[in-house]
Amino acid sequence: MCVVQQLHQCLFDLCVQVEAELQELEEAEAKEYLQSLGVQEGGLRSLINATYKQLGLLTYFTTGAWFSA
């Protein structure tokens, strides 16, 4: 087991230039661009997901009269 796994850490690449370019693209173009780079999601999304995982957080989407008050 590698040291990173032993420490329960999460590593990923984040390229600021790619993130800046993604912000300027339409959603379909951004998806195509990410696919051309061989990744499923951008670095910002990876950062958010890794943070939630490290902190043990979950997101719930709720609807209804009781929740909209």
N, C-alpha and C. Protein backbone atom coordinates (compact mmCIF):
# COMPACT_ATOMS: atom_id res chain seq x y z
N MET A 1 0.86 -1.18 0.00
CA MET A 1 0.00 0.00 0.00
C MET A 1 0.90 1.23 0.00
N CYS A 2 0.58 2.20 -0.84
CA CYS A 2 1.42 3.40 -0.91
C CYS A 2 1.15 4.32 0.28
N VAL A 3 2.07 5.21 0.52
CA VAL A 3 1.98 6.13 1.65
C VAL A 3 0.72 6.98 1.57
N VAL A 4 0.36 7.42 0.36
CA VAL A 4 -0.83 8.26 0.19
C VAL A 4 -2.07 7.51 0.65
N GLN A 5 -2.20 6.24 0.28
CA GLN A 5 -3.36 5.46 0.71
C GLN A 5 -3.35 5.25 2.22
N GLN A 6 -2.18 5.05 2.80
CA GLN A 6 -2.08 4.86 4.24
C GLN A 6 -2.54 6.11 5.00
N LEU A 7 -2.27 7.25 4.44
CA LEU A 7 -2.65 8.51 5.10
C LEU A 7 -4.07 8.95 4.73
N HIS A 8 -4.74 8.17 3.90
CA HIS A 8 -6.10 8.46 3.46
C HIS A 8 -6.18 9.81 2.74
N GLN A 9 -5.20 10.08 1.92
CA GLN A 9 -5.15 11.32 1.17
C GLN A 9 -5.63 11.08 -0.26
N CYS A 10 -6.01 12.13 -0.91
CA CYS A 10 -6.47 12.05 -2.29
C CYS A 10 -5.63 13.01 -3.12
N LEU A 11 -5.04 12.50 -4.17
CA LEU A 11 -4.24 13.33 -5.07
C LEU A 11 -4.88 13.39 -6.45
N PHE A 12 -4.81 14.54 -7.08
CA PHE A 12 -5.29 14.69 -8.44
C PHE A 12 -4.58 15.88 -9.06
N ASP A 13 -4.62 15.93 -10.38
CA ASP A 13 -3.99 17.04 -11.11
C ASP A 13 -4.99 18.16 -11.31
N LEU A 14 -4.47 19.39 -11.23
CA LEU A 14 -5.30 20.56 -11.46
C LEU A 14 -4.50 21.53 -12.32
N CYS A 15 -4.99 21.81 -13.51
CA CYS A 15 -4.31 22.73 -14.42
C CYS A 15 -5.15 24.00 -14.52
N VAL A 16 -4.62 25.09 -14.03
CA VAL A 16 -5.35 26.36 -14.00
C VAL A 16 -5.68 26.83 -15.40
N GLN A 17 -4.78 26.61 -16.35
CA GLN A 17 -5.03 27.03 -17.73
C GLN A 17 -6.24 26.28 -18.31
N VAL A 18 -6.31 24.98 -18.07
CA VAL A 18 -7.45 24.20 -18.56
C VAL A 18 -8.73 24.68 -17.89
N GLU A 19 -8.70 24.94 -16.60
CA GLU A 19 -9.88 25.42 -15.89
C GLU A 19 -10.36 26.76 -16.44
N ALA A 20 -9.42 27.64 -16.76
CA ALA A 20 -9.78 28.94 -17.34
C ALA A 20 -10.42 28.77 -18.71
N GLU A 21 -9.87 27.87 -19.51
CA GLU A 21 -10.44 27.60 -20.83
C GLU A 21 -11.83 26.98 -20.73
N LEU A 22 -12.03 26.10 -19.76
CA LEU A 22 -13.34 25.47 -19.58
C LEU A 22 -14.42 26.50 -19.24
N GLN A 23 -14.05 27.52 -18.49
CA GLN A 23 -15.01 28.55 -18.10
C GLN A 23 -15.52 29.35 -19.29
N GLU A 24 -14.73 29.40 -20.35
CA GLU A 24 -15.10 30.17 -21.53
C GLU A 24 -15.90 29.37 -22.55
N LEU A 25 -16.01 28.06 -22.35
CA LEU A 25 -16.68 27.19 -23.31
C LEU A 25 -18.12 26.90 -22.91
N GLU A 26 -18.95 26.60 -23.92
CA GLU A 26 -20.30 26.12 -23.66
C GLU A 26 -20.19 24.73 -23.05
N GLU A 27 -21.25 24.26 -22.42
CA GLU A 27 -21.22 22.97 -21.73
C GLU A 27 -20.83 21.81 -22.65
N ALA A 28 -21.42 21.77 -23.85
CA ALA A 28 -21.12 20.68 -24.80
C ALA A 28 -19.66 20.75 -25.26
N GLU A 29 -19.18 21.96 -25.52
CA GLU A 29 -17.78 22.13 -25.93
C GLU A 29 -16.82 21.75 -24.82
N ALA A 30 -17.17 22.12 -23.59
CA ALA A 30 -16.33 21.79 -22.44
C ALA A 30 -16.23 20.28 -22.26
N LYS A 31 -17.35 19.59 -22.42
CA LYS A 31 -17.36 18.14 -22.29
C LYS A 31 -16.48 17.49 -23.36
N GLU A 32 -16.59 18.00 -24.59
CA GLU A 32 -15.76 17.49 -25.69
C GLU A 32 -14.28 17.76 -25.43
N TYR A 33 -13.98 18.94 -24.92
CA TYR A 33 -12.60 19.32 -24.60
C TYR A 33 -12.01 18.39 -23.55
N LEU A 34 -12.79 18.12 -22.49
CA LEU A 34 -12.32 17.21 -21.44
C LEU A 34 -12.09 15.81 -21.99
N GLN A 35 -12.99 15.36 -22.86
CA GLN A 35 -12.81 14.04 -23.48
C GLN A 35 -11.54 13.99 -24.31
N SER A 36 -11.23 15.09 -25.00
CA SER A 36 -10.01 15.12 -25.82
C SER A 36 -8.76 15.06 -24.94
N LEU A 37 -8.89 15.50 -23.68
CA LEU A 37 -7.79 15.44 -22.73
C LEU A 37 -7.73 14.09 -22.02
N GLY A 38 -8.77 13.28 -22.22
CA GLY A 38 -8.81 11.96 -21.61
C GLY A 38 -9.26 11.94 -20.17
N VAL A 39 -10.06 12.94 -19.78
CA VAL A 39 -10.57 13.00 -18.41
C VAL A 39 -12.09 13.10 -18.42
N GLN A 40 -12.70 12.71 -17.31
CA GLN A 40 -14.16 12.72 -17.19
C GLN A 40 -14.70 14.07 -16.71
N GLU A 41 -13.92 14.74 -15.86
CA GLU A 41 -14.38 15.99 -15.28
C GLU A 41 -13.21 16.95 -15.10
N GLY A 42 -13.52 18.21 -14.92
CA GLY A 42 -12.48 19.22 -14.73
C GLY A 42 -11.86 19.13 -13.35
N GLY A 43 -10.77 19.83 -13.17
CA GLY A 43 -10.05 19.81 -11.90
C GLY A 43 -10.83 20.41 -10.76
N LEU A 44 -11.63 21.44 -11.04
CA LEU A 44 -12.43 22.06 -9.98
C LEU A 44 -13.45 21.06 -9.44
N ARG A 45 -14.11 20.35 -10.33
CA ARG A 45 -15.07 19.33 -9.90
C ARG A 45 -14.34 18.23 -9.11
N SER A 46 -13.14 17.86 -9.55
CA SER A 46 -12.35 16.85 -8.83
C SER A 46 -12.00 17.34 -7.43
N LEU A 47 -11.64 18.61 -7.32
CA LEU A 47 -11.32 19.20 -6.01
C LEU A 47 -12.53 19.16 -5.08
N ILE A 48 -13.68 19.54 -5.59
CA ILE A 48 -14.90 19.53 -4.78
C ILE A 48 -15.23 18.11 -4.33
N ASN A 49 -15.19 17.16 -5.25
CA ASN A 49 -15.50 15.76 -4.91
C ASN A 49 -14.50 15.21 -3.89
N ALA A 50 -13.22 15.50 -4.07
CA ALA A 50 -12.19 15.01 -3.14
C ALA A 50 -12.38 15.62 -1.76
N THR A 51 -12.74 16.89 -1.70
CA THR A 51 -12.96 17.57 -0.43
C THR A 51 -14.14 16.96 0.31
N TYR A 52 -15.24 16.75 -0.41
CA TYR A 52 -16.41 16.12 0.20
C TYR A 52 -16.06 14.74 0.73
N LYS A 53 -15.29 13.97 -0.06
CA LYS A 53 -14.92 12.62 0.35
C LYS A 53 -14.03 12.64 1.59
N GLN A 54 -13.04 13.52 1.61
CA GLN A 54 -12.12 13.61 2.75
C GLN A 54 -12.85 14.03 4.03
N LEU A 55 -13.83 14.90 3.89
CA LEU A 55 -14.56 15.39 5.05
C LEU A 55 -15.75 14.51 5.41
N GLY A 56 -16.03 13.52 4.56
CA GLY A 56 -17.16 12.62 4.81
C GLY A 56 -18.50 13.30 4.63
N LEU A 57 -18.56 14.27 3.71
CA LEU A 57 -19.80 15.02 3.49
C LEU A 57 -20.64 14.39 2.39
N LEU A 58 -21.94 14.58 2.48
CA LEU A 58 -22.89 14.14 1.47
C LEU A 58 -23.77 15.32 1.10
N THR A 59 -24.30 15.30 -0.10
CA THR A 59 -25.21 16.35 -0.56
C THR A 59 -26.57 15.73 -0.79
N TYR A 60 -27.59 16.37 -0.28
CA TYR A 60 -28.96 15.90 -0.46
C TYR A 60 -29.76 17.01 -1.15
N PHE A 61 -30.52 16.63 -2.15
CA PHE A 61 -31.41 17.56 -2.82
C PHE A 61 -32.82 17.22 -2.39
N THR A 62 -33.50 18.19 -1.80
CA THR A 62 -34.85 17.94 -1.28
C THR A 62 -35.82 18.92 -1.93
N THR A 63 -37.05 18.51 -2.04
CA THR A 63 -38.09 19.37 -2.61
C THR A 63 -39.36 19.19 -1.80
N GLY A 64 -40.29 20.07 -2.02
CA GLY A 64 -41.58 19.95 -1.36
C GLY A 64 -41.89 21.20 -0.55
N ALA A 65 -43.14 21.31 -0.15
CA ALA A 65 -43.60 22.50 0.58
C ALA A 65 -42.85 22.69 1.89
N TRP A 66 -42.58 21.61 2.61
CA TRP A 66 -41.92 21.71 3.90
C TRP A 66 -40.51 22.27 3.76
N PHE A 67 -39.78 21.92 2.67
CA PHE A 67 -38.41 22.35 2.48
C PHE A 67 -38.29 23.73 1.85
N SER A 68 -39.32 24.21 1.20
CA SER A 68 -39.22 25.49 0.51
C SER A 68 -39.66 26.67 1.38
N ALA A 69 -40.04 26.43 2.60
CA ALA A 69 -40.52 27.51 3.48
C ALA A 69 -39.38 28.39 3.96
